[in-house]
Amino acid sequence: MSLLKAVESDAGQRGIQKVTHFRLVVGEYSAVSIKAMDFALQHLTTGTILDGASYELVTEEARSQCQDCGRAFRPAPPFFLCPGCGRGGAPFTCGRELYIDYYEGE
């Protein structure tokens, strides 16, 4: 809901009366279900300036960078180990976010 409110607020400041399309990026390990987000968007936009807008939900692949050997890699469960040196605990560089990429309106 806070993402939709952010779009509504920004659109209002720009004089946009109707949002026609928007794109949300969901990180692979953001703990957000794409199916649940899709369901929520279908219902939460009703009666707002986003009502009837088309949208895209894009999953961003997770990436990490090992702090020991410096290798960038795609972390894989269950242990998320670096394929270069085998160490764990590398921070995610992307794949845990949830953000509005852009929106269009009139």
PDB file of N, CA and C in Angstrom:
ATOM      1  N   MET A   1       0.825  -1.197   0.000  1.00  0.00           N
ATOM      2  CA  MET A   1       0.000   0.000   0.000  1.00  0.00           C
ATOM      3  C   MET A   1       0.868   1.259   0.000  1.00  0.00           C
ATOM      4  N   SER A   2       1.999   1.205   0.725  1.00  0.00           N
ATOM      5  CA  SER A   2       2.855   2.385   0.787  1.00  0.00           C
ATOM      6  C   SER A   2       3.464   2.708  -0.580  1.00  0.00           C
ATOM      7  N   LEU A   3       3.717   1.703  -1.395  1.00  0.00           N
ATOM      8  CA  LEU A   3       4.220   1.960  -2.745  1.00  0.00           C
ATOM      9  C   LEU A   3       3.181   2.703  -3.576  1.00  0.00           C
ATOM     10  N   LEU A   4       1.942   2.283  -3.472  1.00  0.00           N
ATOM     11  CA  LEU A   4       0.869   2.934  -4.222  1.00  0.00           C
ATOM     12  C   LEU A   4       0.657   4.366  -3.735  1.00  0.00           C
ATOM     13  N   LYS A   5       0.751   4.569  -2.450  1.00  0.00           N
ATOM     14  CA  LYS A   5       0.597   5.922  -1.898  1.00  0.00           C
ATOM     15  C   LYS A   5       1.734   6.827  -2.382  1.00  0.00           C
ATOM     16  N   ALA A   6       2.943   6.256  -2.512  1.00  0.00           N
ATOM     17  CA  ALA A   6       4.076   7.037  -3.008  1.00  0.00           C
ATOM     18  C   ALA A   6       3.835   7.466  -4.453  1.00  0.00           C
ATOM     19  N   VAL A   7       3.299   6.572  -5.277  1.00  0.00           N
ATOM     20  CA  VAL A   7       2.988   6.916  -6.669  1.00  0.00           C
ATOM     21  C   VAL A   7       1.897   7.983  -6.699  1.00  0.00           C
ATOM     22  N   GLU A   8       0.835   7.801  -5.916  1.00  0.00           N
ATOM     23  CA  GLU A   8      -0.254   8.780  -5.875  1.00  0.00           C
ATOM     24  C   GLU A   8       0.257  10.160  -5.462  1.00  0.00           C
ATOM     25  N   SER A   9       1.091  10.198  -4.451  1.00  0.00           N
ATOM     26  CA  SER A   9       1.616  11.465  -3.946  1.00  0.00           C
ATOM     27  C   SER A   9       2.478  12.162  -4.999  1.00  0.00           C
ATOM     28  N   ASP A  10       3.391  11.417  -5.599  1.00  0.00           N
ATOM     29  CA  ASP A  10       4.269  12.002  -6.612  1.00  0.00           C
ATOM     30  C   ASP A  10       3.471  12.457  -7.832  1.00  0.00           C
ATOM     31  N   ALA A  11       2.528  11.632  -8.254  1.00  0.00           N
ATOM     32  CA  ALA A  11       1.693  11.988  -9.411  1.00  0.00           C
ATOM     33  C   ALA A  11       0.902  13.263  -9.118  1.00  0.00           C
ATOM     34  N   GLY A  12       0.364  13.361  -7.918  1.00  0.00           N
ATOM     35  CA  GLY A  12      -0.389  14.551  -7.537  1.00  0.00           C
ATOM     36  C   GLY A  12       0.464  15.809  -7.585  1.00  0.00           C
ATOM     37  N   GLN A  13       1.702  15.709  -7.117  1.00  0.00           N
ATOM     38  CA  GLN A  13       2.620  16.850  -7.137  1.00  0.00           C
ATOM     39  C   GLN A  13       2.972  17.267  -8.561  1.00  0.00           C
ATOM     40  N   ARG A  14       2.900  16.341  -9.488  1.00  0.00           N
ATOM     41  CA  ARG A  14       3.235  16.631 -10.881  1.00  0.00           C
ATOM     42  C   ARG A  14       1.997  16.955 -11.725  1.00  0.00           C
ATOM     43  N   GLY A  15       0.835  16.989 -11.093  1.00  0.00           N
ATOM     44  CA  GLY A  15      -0.385  17.323 -11.802  1.00  0.00           C
ATOM     45  C   GLY A  15      -0.940  16.184 -12.644  1.00  0.00           C
ATOM     46  N   ILE A  16      -0.518  14.979 -12.373  1.00  0.00           N
ATOM     47  CA  ILE A  16      -1.017  13.806 -13.115  1.00  0.00           C
ATOM     48  C   ILE A  16      -2.326  13.349 -12.485  1.00  0.00           C
ATOM     49  N   GLN A  17      -3.359  13.275 -13.294  1.00  0.00           N
ATOM     50  CA  GLN A  17      -4.692  12.914 -12.822  1.00  0.00           C
ATOM     51  C   GLN A  17      -4.953  11.409 -12.839  1.00  0.00           C
ATOM     52  N   LYS A  18      -4.269  10.712 -13.741  1.00  0.00           N
ATOM     53  CA  LYS A  18      -4.528   9.276 -13.942  1.00  0.00           C
ATOM     54  C   LYS A  18      -3.216   8.580 -14.261  1.00  0.00           C
ATOM     55  N   VAL A  19      -2.869   7.568 -13.481  1.00  0.00           N
ATOM     56  CA  VAL A  19      -1.699   6.743 -13.771  1.00  0.00           C
ATOM     57  C   VAL A  19      -2.166   5.635 -14.705  1.00  0.00           C
ATOM     58  N   THR A  20      -1.477   5.497 -15.821  1.00  0.00           N
ATOM     59  CA  THR A  20      -1.886   4.521 -16.834  1.00  0.00           C
ATOM     60  C   THR A  20      -1.044   3.253 -16.819  1.00  0.00           C
ATOM     61  N   HIS A  21       0.171   3.353 -16.303  1.00  0.00           N
ATOM     62  CA  HIS A  21       1.055   2.188 -16.262  1.00  0.00           C
ATOM     63  C   HIS A  21       2.118   2.404 -15.191  1.00  0.00           C
ATOM     64  N   PHE A  22       2.503   1.335 -14.509  1.00  0.00           N
ATOM     65  CA  PHE A  22       3.621   1.428 -13.572  1.00  0.00           C
ATOM     66  C   PHE A  22       4.353   0.097 -13.508  1.00  0.00           C
ATOM     67  N   ARG A  23       5.585   0.196 -13.018  1.00  0.00           N
ATOM     68  CA  ARG A  23       6.435  -0.995 -12.946  1.00  0.00           C
ATOM     69  C   ARG A  23       7.053  -1.075 -11.551  1.00  0.00           C
ATOM     70  N   LEU A  24       6.889  -2.239 -10.918  1.00  0.00           N
ATOM     71  CA  LEU A  24       7.483  -2.490  -9.612  1.00  0.00           C
ATOM     72  C   LEU A  24       8.564  -3.550  -9.755  1.00  0.00           C
ATOM     73  N   VAL A  25       9.667  -3.333  -9.079  1.00  0.00           N
ATOM     74  CA  VAL A  25      10.761  -4.297  -9.067  1.00  0.00           C
ATOM     75  C   VAL A  25      10.780  -4.968  -7.703  1.00  0.00           C
ATOM     76  N   VAL A  26      10.761  -6.301  -7.729  1.00  0.00           N
ATOM     77  CA  VAL A  26      10.733  -7.105  -6.519  1.00  0.00           C
ATOM     78  C   VAL A  26      11.994  -7.962  -6.497  1.00  0.00           C
ATOM     79  N   GLY A  27      12.820  -7.782  -5.484  1.00  0.00           N
ATOM     80  CA  GLY A  27      14.035  -8.572  -5.359  1.00  0.00           C
ATOM     81  C   GLY A  27      13.719 -10.041  -5.116  1.00  0.00           C
ATOM     82  N   GLU A  28      14.534 -10.893  -5.692  1.00  0.00           N
ATOM     83  CA  GLU A  28      14.354 -12.342  -5.590  1.00  0.00           C
ATOM     84  C   GLU A  28      14.253 -12.808  -4.132  1.00  0.00           C
ATOM     85  N   TYR A  29      15.028 -12.192  -3.241  1.00  0.00           N
ATOM     86  CA  TYR A  29      15.006 -12.553  -1.821  1.00  0.00           C
ATOM     87  C   TYR A  29      14.449 -11.424  -0.956  1.00  0.00           C
ATOM     88  N   SER A  30      13.461 -10.718  -1.467  1.00  0.00           N
ATOM     89  CA  SER A  30      12.868  -9.607  -0.728  1.00  0.00           C
ATOM     90  C   SER A  30      11.785 -10.054   0.246  1.00  0.00           C
ATOM     91  N   ALA A  31      11.422 -11.307   0.214  1.00  0.00           N
ATOM     92  CA  ALA A  31      10.354 -11.863   1.055  1.00  0.00           C
ATOM     93  C   ALA A  31       8.976 -11.372   0.608  1.00  0.00           C
ATOM     94  N   VAL A  32       8.886 -10.927  -0.642  1.00  0.00           N
ATOM     95  CA  VAL A  32       7.607 -10.504  -1.207  1.00  0.00           C
ATOM     96  C   VAL A  32       7.210 -11.511  -2.278  1.00  0.00           C
ATOM     97  N   SER A  33       6.033 -12.054  -2.145  1.00  0.00           N
ATOM     98  CA  SER A  33       5.525 -12.999  -3.135  1.00  0.00           C
ATOM     99  C   SER A  33       4.950 -12.229  -4.326  1.00  0.00           C
ATOM    100  N   ILE A  34       5.415 -12.563  -5.519  1.00  0.00           N
ATOM    101  CA  ILE A  34       4.907 -11.922  -6.736  1.00  0.00           C
ATOM    102  C   ILE A  34       3.404 -12.181  -6.868  1.00  0.00           C
ATOM    103  N   LYS A  35       2.971 -13.404  -6.591  1.00  0.00           N
ATOM    104  CA  LYS A  35       1.544 -13.730  -6.705  1.00  0.00           C
ATOM    105  C   LYS A  35       0.708 -12.918  -5.718  1.00  0.00           C
ATOM    106  N   ALA A  36       1.197 -12.785  -4.493  1.00  0.00           N
ATOM    107  CA  ALA A  36       0.470 -12.002  -3.486  1.00  0.00           C
ATOM    108  C   ALA A  36       0.453 -10.524  -3.870  1.00  0.00           C
ATOM    109  N   MET A  37       1.571 -10.027  -4.386  1.00  0.00           N
ATOM    110  CA  MET A  37       1.647  -8.629  -4.811  1.00  0.00           C
ATOM    111  C   MET A  37       0.682  -8.372  -5.967  1.00  0.00           C
ATOM    112  N   ASP A  38       0.642  -9.286  -6.918  1.00  0.00           N
ATOM    113  CA  ASP A  38      -0.262  -9.161  -8.051  1.00  0.00           C
ATOM    114  C   ASP A  38      -1.712  -9.118  -7.565  1.00  0.00           C
ATOM    115  N   PHE A  39      -2.071 -10.004  -6.678  1.00  0.00           N
ATOM    116  CA  PHE A  39      -3.426 -10.046  -6.122  1.00  0.00           C
ATOM    117  C   PHE A  39      -3.747  -8.730  -5.399  1.00  0.00           C
ATOM    118  N   ALA A  40      -2.811  -8.263  -4.585  1.00  0.00           N
ATOM    119  CA  ALA A  40      -3.036  -7.025  -3.835  1.00  0.00           C
ATOM    120  C   ALA A  40      -3.212  -5.828  -4.765  1.00  0.00           C
ATOM    121  N   LEU A  41      -2.390  -5.754  -5.799  1.00  0.00           N
ATOM    122  CA  LEU A  41      -2.477  -4.621  -6.730  1.00  0.00           C
ATOM    123  C   LEU A  41      -3.812  -4.585  -7.458  1.00  0.00           C
ATOM    124  N   GLN A  42      -4.354  -5.736  -7.766  1.00  0.00           N
ATOM    125  CA  GLN A  42      -5.642  -5.786  -8.446  1.00  0.00           C
ATOM    126  C   GLN A  42      -6.751  -5.198  -7.581  1.00  0.00           C
ATOM    127  N   HIS A  43      -6.600  -5.279  -6.260  1.00  0.00           N
ATOM    128  CA  HIS A  43      -7.644  -4.817  -5.352  1.00  0.00           C
ATOM    129  C   HIS A  43      -7.354  -3.463  -4.716  1.00  0.00           C
ATOM    130  N   LEU A  44      -6.090  -3.179  -4.449  1.00  0.00           N
ATOM    131  CA  LEU A  44      -5.752  -1.932  -3.761  1.00  0.00           C
ATOM    132  C   LEU A  44      -5.799  -0.705  -4.660  1.00  0.00           C
ATOM    133  N   THR A  45      -5.746  -0.894  -5.957  1.00  0.00           N
ATOM    134  CA  THR A  45      -5.770   0.255  -6.870  1.00  0.00           C
ATOM    135  C   THR A  45      -7.192   0.745  -7.146  1.00  0.00           C
ATOM    136  N   THR A  46      -8.193  -0.057  -6.837  1.00  0.00           N
ATOM    137  CA  THR A  46      -9.591   0.311  -7.076  1.00  0.00           C
ATOM    138  C   THR A  46      -9.933   1.607  -6.337  1.00  0.00           C
ATOM    139  N   GLY A  47     -10.487   2.552  -7.077  1.00  0.00           N
ATOM    140  CA  GLY A  47     -10.898   3.817  -6.484  1.00  0.00           C
ATOM    141  C   GLY A  47      -9.770   4.821  -6.305  1.00  0.00           C
ATOM    142  N   THR A  48      -8.583   4.514  -6.831  1.00  0.00           N
ATOM    143  CA  THR A  48      -7.453   5.434  -6.738  1.00  0.00           C
ATOM    144  C   THR A  48      -7.109   5.936  -8.144  1.00  0.00           C
ATOM    145  N   ILE A  49      -6.109   6.819  -8.244  1.00  0.00           N
ATOM    146  CA  ILE A  49      -5.707   7.282  -9.575  1.00  0.00           C
ATOM    147  C   ILE A  49      -4.981   6.183 -10.355  1.00  0.00           C
ATOM    148  N   LEU A  50      -4.722   5.059  -9.709  1.00  0.00           N
ATOM    149  CA  LEU A  50      -4.099   3.917 -10.379  1.00  0.00           C
ATOM    150  C   LEU A  50      -5.138   2.902 -10.855  1.00  0.00           C
ATOM    151  N   ASP A  51      -6.399   3.171 -10.598  1.00  0.00           N
ATOM    152  CA  ASP A  51      -7.472   2.248 -10.980  1.00  0.00           C
ATOM    153  C   ASP A  51      -7.455   2.026 -12.497  1.00  0.00           C
ATOM    154  N   GLY A  52      -7.338   0.788 -12.910  1.00  0.00           N
ATOM    155  CA  GLY A  52      -7.322   0.438 -14.325  1.00  0.00           C
ATOM    156  C   GLY A  52      -5.961   0.521 -14.989  1.00  0.00           C
ATOM    157  N   ALA A  53      -4.949   0.958 -14.254  1.00  0.00           N
ATOM    158  CA  ALA A  53      -3.604   1.062 -14.836  1.00  0.00           C
ATOM    159  C   ALA A  53      -3.025  -0.331 -15.083  1.00  0.00           C
ATOM    160  N   SER A  54      -2.304  -0.456 -16.178  1.00  0.00           N
ATOM    161  CA  SER A  54      -1.572  -1.704 -16.395  1.00  0.00           C
ATOM    162  C   SER A  54      -0.297  -1.620 -15.556  1.00  0.00           C
ATOM    163  N   TYR A  55       0.249  -2.776 -15.236  1.00  0.00           N
ATOM    164  CA  TYR A  55       1.474  -2.767 -14.445  1.00  0.00           C
ATOM    165  C   TYR A  55       2.328  -3.987 -14.753  1.00  0.00           C
ATOM    166  N   GLU A  56       3.594  -3.851 -14.403  1.00  0.00           N
ATOM    167  CA  GLU A  56       4.554  -4.932 -14.543  1.00  0.00           C
ATOM    168  C   GLU A  56       5.144  -5.211 -13.164  1.00  0.00           C
ATOM    169  N   LEU A  57       5.296  -6.473 -12.856  1.00  0.00           N
ATOM    170  CA  LEU A  57       6.022  -6.894 -11.657  1.00  0.00           C
ATOM    171  C   LEU A  57       7.256  -7.627 -12.146  1.00  0.00           C
ATOM    172  N   VAL A  58       8.406  -7.060 -11.886  1.00  0.00           N
ATOM    173  CA  VAL A  58       9.659  -7.608 -12.386  1.00  0.00           C
ATOM    174  C   VAL A  58      10.473  -8.136 -11.212  1.00  0.00           C
ATOM    175  N   THR A  59      10.967  -9.353 -11.330  1.00  0.00           N
ATOM    176  CA  THR A  59      11.825  -9.929 -10.299  1.00  0.00           C
ATOM    177  C   THR A  59      13.281  -9.614 -10.618  1.00  0.00           C
ATOM    178  N   GLU A  60      13.970  -9.043  -9.653  1.00  0.00           N
ATOM    179  CA  GLU A  60      15.396  -8.760  -9.828  1.00  0.00           C
ATOM    180  C   GLU A  60      16.207  -9.883  -9.185  1.00  0.00           C
ATOM    181  N   GLU A  61      17.081 -10.465  -9.978  1.00  0.00           N
ATOM    182  CA  GLU A  61      17.921 -11.567  -9.529  1.00  0.00           C
ATOM    183  C   GLU A  61      18.860 -11.105  -8.418  1.00  0.00           C
ATOM    184  N   ALA A  62      19.041 -11.956  -7.423  1.00  0.00           N
ATOM    185  CA  ALA A  62      19.939 -11.646  -6.307  1.00  0.00           C
ATOM    186  C   ALA A  62      21.397 -11.763  -6.740  1.00  0.00           C
ATOM    187  N   ARG A  63      22.229 -10.892  -6.192  1.00  0.00           N
ATOM    188  CA  ARG A  63      23.669 -10.917  -6.428  1.00  0.00           C
ATOM    189  C   ARG A  63      24.357 -10.635  -5.091  1.00  0.00           C
ATOM    190  N   SER A  64      25.523 -11.225  -4.920  1.00  0.00           N
ATOM    191  CA  SER A  64      26.347 -10.996  -3.731  1.00  0.00           C
ATOM    192  C   SER A  64      27.780 -10.747  -4.172  1.00  0.00           C
ATOM    193  N   GLN A  65      28.558 -10.192  -3.259  1.00  0.00           N
ATOM    194  CA  GLN A  65      29.986 -10.016  -3.510  1.00  0.00           C
ATOM    195  C   GLN A  65      30.724 -10.467  -2.261  1.00  0.00           C
ATOM    196  N   CYS A  66      31.593 -11.453  -2.450  1.00  0.00           N
ATOM    197  CA  CYS A  66      32.357 -12.021  -1.346  1.00  0.00           C
ATOM    198  C   CYS A  66      33.332 -10.982  -0.792  1.00  0.00           C
ATOM    199  N   GLN A  67      33.325 -10.807   0.517  1.00  0.00           N
ATOM    200  CA  GLN A  67      34.227  -9.843   1.137  1.00  0.00           C
ATOM    201  C   GLN A  67      35.629 -10.413   1.317  1.00  0.00           C
ATOM    202  N   ASP A  68      35.762 -11.729   1.169  1.00  0.00           N
ATOM    203  CA  ASP A  68      37.085 -12.341   1.310  1.00  0.00           C
ATOM    204  C   ASP A  68      37.850 -12.392  -0.005  1.00  0.00           C
ATOM    205  N   CYS A  69      37.226 -12.959  -1.044  1.00  0.00           N
ATOM    206  CA  CYS A  69      37.941 -13.108  -2.311  1.00  0.00           C
ATOM    207  C   CYS A  69      37.515 -12.094  -3.370  1.00  0.00           C
ATOM    208  N   GLY A  70      36.422 -11.338  -3.107  1.00  0.00           N
ATOM    209  CA  GLY A  70      35.977 -10.295  -4.020  1.00  0.00           C
ATOM    210  C   GLY A  70      35.114 -10.761  -5.182  1.00  0.00           C
ATOM    211  N   ARG A  71      34.833 -12.054  -5.246  1.00  0.00           N
ATOM    212  CA  ARG A  71      34.054 -12.576  -6.374  1.00  0.00           C
ATOM    213  C   ARG A  71      32.588 -12.159  -6.269  1.00  0.00           C
ATOM    214  N   ALA A  72      32.043 -11.697  -7.387  1.00  0.00           N
ATOM    215  CA  ALA A  72      30.605 -11.410  -7.480  1.00  0.00           C
ATOM    216  C   ALA A  72      29.927 -12.695  -7.950  1.00  0.00           C
ATOM    217  N   PHE A  73      28.792 -13.027  -7.338  1.00  0.00           N
ATOM    218  CA  PHE A  73      28.115 -14.275  -7.676  1.00  0.00           C
ATOM    219  C   PHE A  73      26.630 -14.197  -7.362  1.00  0.00           C
ATOM    220  N   ARG A  74      25.892 -15.147  -7.898  1.00  0.00           N
ATOM    221  CA  ARG A  74      24.470 -15.282  -7.610  1.00  0.00           C
ATOM    222  C   ARG A  74      24.325 -16.234  -6.427  1.00  0.00           C
ATOM    223  N   PRO A  75      23.889 -15.747  -5.275  1.00  0.00           N
ATOM    224  CA  PRO A  75      23.784 -16.593  -4.089  1.00  0.00           C
ATOM    225  C   PRO A  75      22.683 -17.643  -4.248  1.00  0.00           C
ATOM    226  N   ALA A  76      22.966 -18.829  -3.766  1.00  0.00           N
ATOM    227  CA  ALA A  76      22.006 -19.927  -3.889  1.00  0.00           C
ATOM    228  C   ALA A  76      21.789 -20.576  -2.525  1.00  0.00           C
ATOM    229  N   PRO A  77      20.524 -20.812  -2.189  1.00  0.00           N
ATOM    230  CA  PRO A  77      20.235 -21.477  -0.924  1.00  0.00           C
ATOM    231  C   PRO A  77      20.733 -22.921  -0.950  1.00  0.00           C
ATOM    232  N   PRO A  78      20.936 -23.568   0.127  1.00  0.00           N
ATOM    233  CA  PRO A  78      20.550 -23.095   1.454  1.00  0.00           C
ATOM    234  C   PRO A  78      21.621 -22.305   2.189  1.00  0.00           C
ATOM    235  N   PHE A  79      22.872 -22.328   1.718  1.00  0.00           N
ATOM    236  CA  PHE A  79      23.945 -21.723   2.502  1.00  0.00           C
ATOM    237  C   PHE A  79      24.501 -20.426   1.928  1.00  0.00           C
ATOM    238  N   PHE A  80      24.174 -20.107   0.675  1.00  0.00           N
ATOM    239  CA  PHE A  80      24.611 -18.858   0.043  1.00  0.00           C
ATOM    240  C   PHE A  80      26.141 -18.696   0.074  1.00  0.00           C
ATOM    241  N   LEU A  81      26.847 -19.780  -0.183  1.00  0.00           N
ATOM    242  CA  LEU A  81      28.308 -19.770  -0.131  1.00  0.00           C
ATOM    243  C   LEU A  81      28.920 -19.211  -1.404  1.00  0.00           C
ATOM    244  N   CYS A  82      30.068 -18.576  -1.241  1.00  0.00           N
ATOM    245  CA  CYS A  82      30.811 -18.051  -2.383  1.00  0.00           C
ATOM    246  C   CYS A  82      31.360 -19.222  -3.191  1.00  0.00           C
ATOM    247  N   PRO A  83      31.091 -19.261  -4.501  1.00  0.00           N
ATOM    248  CA  PRO A  83      31.619 -20.353  -5.314  1.00  0.00           C
ATOM    249  C   PRO A  83      33.131 -20.249  -5.544  1.00  0.00           C
ATOM    250  N   GLY A  84      33.713 -19.105  -5.226  1.00  0.00           N
ATOM    251  CA  GLY A  84      35.146 -18.919  -5.402  1.00  0.00           C
ATOM    252  C   GLY A  84      35.963 -19.482  -4.250  1.00  0.00           C
ATOM    253  N   CYS A  85      35.580 -19.101  -3.026  1.00  0.00           N
ATOM    254  CA  CYS A  85      36.369 -19.515  -1.858  1.00  0.00           C
ATOM    255  C   CYS A  85      35.586 -20.371  -0.866  1.00  0.00           C
ATOM    256  N   GLY A  86      34.273 -20.491  -1.074  1.00  0.00           N
ATOM    257  CA  GLY A  86      33.453 -21.340  -0.206  1.00  0.00           C
ATOM    258  C   GLY A  86      33.004 -20.698   1.086  1.00  0.00           C
ATOM    259  N   ARG A  87      33.287 -19.443   1.266  1.00  0.00           N
ATOM    260  CA  ARG A  87      32.887 -18.771   2.502  1.00  0.00           C
ATOM    261  C   ARG A  87      31.453 -18.287   2.430  1.00  0.00           C
ATOM    262  N   GLY A  88      30.820 -18.189   3.567  1.00  0.00           N
ATOM    263  CA  GLY A  88      29.457 -17.681   3.661  1.00  0.00           C
ATOM    264  C   GLY A  88      29.451 -16.252   4.169  1.00  0.00           C
ATOM    265  N   GLY A  89      28.266 -15.682   4.221  1.00  0.00           N
ATOM    266  CA  GLY A  89      28.102 -14.361   4.809  1.00  0.00           C
ATOM    267  C   GLY A  89      28.326 -13.193   3.868  1.00  0.00           C
ATOM    268  N   ALA A  90      28.443 -13.454   2.577  1.00  0.00           N
ATOM    269  CA  ALA A  90      28.623 -12.344   1.637  1.00  0.00           C
ATOM    270  C   ALA A  90      27.348 -11.512   1.583  1.00  0.00           C
ATOM    271  N   PRO A  91      27.466 -10.200   1.669  1.00  0.00           N
ATOM    272  CA  PRO A  91      26.261  -9.362   1.620  1.00  0.00           C
ATOM    273  C   PRO A  91      25.646  -9.350   0.221  1.00  0.00           C
ATOM    274  N   PHE A  92      24.350  -9.184   0.207  1.00  0.00           N
ATOM    275  CA  PHE A  92      23.639  -9.039  -1.062  1.00  0.00           C
ATOM    276  C   PHE A  92      23.934  -7.656  -1.627  1.00  0.00           C
ATOM    277  N   THR A  93      24.232  -7.582  -2.915  1.00  0.00           N
ATOM    278  CA  THR A  93      24.395  -6.285  -3.568  1.00  0.00           C
ATOM    279  C   THR A  93      23.095  -5.879  -4.258  1.00  0.00           C
ATOM    280  N   CYS A  94      22.252  -6.834  -4.557  1.00  0.00           N
ATOM    281  CA  CYS A  94      20.901  -6.584  -5.068  1.00  0.00           C
ATOM    282  C   CYS A  94      20.094  -7.867  -4.906  1.00  0.00           C
ATOM    283  N   GLY A  95      18.781  -7.717  -5.026  1.00  0.00           N
ATOM    284  CA  GLY A  95      17.900  -8.871  -4.916  1.00  0.00           C
ATOM    285  C   GLY A  95      17.074  -8.913  -3.649  1.00  0.00           C
ATOM    286  N   ARG A  96      17.173  -7.862  -2.821  1.00  0.00           N
ATOM    287  CA  ARG A  96      16.368  -7.812  -1.604  1.00  0.00           C
ATOM    288  C   ARG A  96      15.472  -6.579  -1.561  1.00  0.00           C
ATOM    289  N   GLU A  97      15.417  -5.875  -2.685  1.00  0.00           N
ATOM    290  CA  GLU A  97      14.683  -4.618  -2.717  1.00  0.00           C
ATOM    291  C   GLU A  97      13.243  -4.781  -3.205  1.00  0.00           C
ATOM    292  N   LEU A  98      12.507  -3.731  -2.990  1.00  0.00           N
ATOM    293  CA  LEU A  98      11.145  -3.592  -3.507  1.00  0.00           C
ATOM    294  C   LEU A  98      10.986  -2.107  -3.785  1.00  0.00           C
ATOM    295  N   TYR A  99      10.842  -1.763  -5.073  1.00  0.00           N
ATOM    296  CA  TYR A  99      10.751  -0.346  -5.392  1.00  0.00           C
ATOM    297  C   TYR A  99       9.944  -0.105  -6.664  1.00  0.00           C
ATOM    298  N   ILE A 100       9.521   1.164  -6.807  1.00  0.00           N
ATOM    299  CA  ILE A 100       8.810   1.610  -8.001  1.00  0.00           C
ATOM    300  C   ILE A 100       9.879   2.006  -9.008  1.00  0.00           C
ATOM    301  N   ASP A 101       9.909   1.329 -10.122  1.00  0.00           N
ATOM    302  CA  ASP A 101      10.894   1.645 -11.164  1.00  0.00           C
ATOM    303  C   ASP A 101      10.456   2.906 -11.912  1.00  0.00           C
ATOM    304  N   TYR A 102       9.193   2.941 -12.341  1.00  0.00           N
ATOM    305  CA  TYR A 102       8.656   4.125 -12.996  1.00  0.00           C
ATOM    306  C   TYR A 102       7.141   4.017 -13.085  1.00  0.00           C
ATOM    307  N   TYR A 103       6.533   5.128 -13.430  1.00  0.00           N
ATOM    308  CA  TYR A 103       5.102   5.132 -13.731  1.00  0.00           C
ATOM    309  C   TYR A 103       4.849   6.115 -14.853  1.00  0.00           C
ATOM    310  N   GLU A 104       3.739   5.927 -15.536  1.00  0.00           N
ATOM    311  CA  GLU A 104       3.322   6.811 -16.625  1.00  0.00           C
ATOM    312  C   GLU A 104       1.893   7.267 -16.317  1.00  0.00           C
ATOM    313  N   GLY A 105       1.563   8.442 -16.775  1.00  0.00           N
ATOM    314  CA  GLY A 105       0.221   8.941 -16.536  1.00  0.00           C
ATOM    315  C   GLY A 105      -0.123  10.106 -17.439  1.00  0.00           C
ATOM    316  N   GLU A 106      -1.327  10.615 -17.216  1.00  0.00           N
ATOM    317  CA  GLU A 106      -1.809  11.746 -18.013  1.00  0.00           C
ATOM    318  C   GLU A 106      -2.535  12.738 -17.127  1.00  0.00           C
TER     319      GLU A 106
END
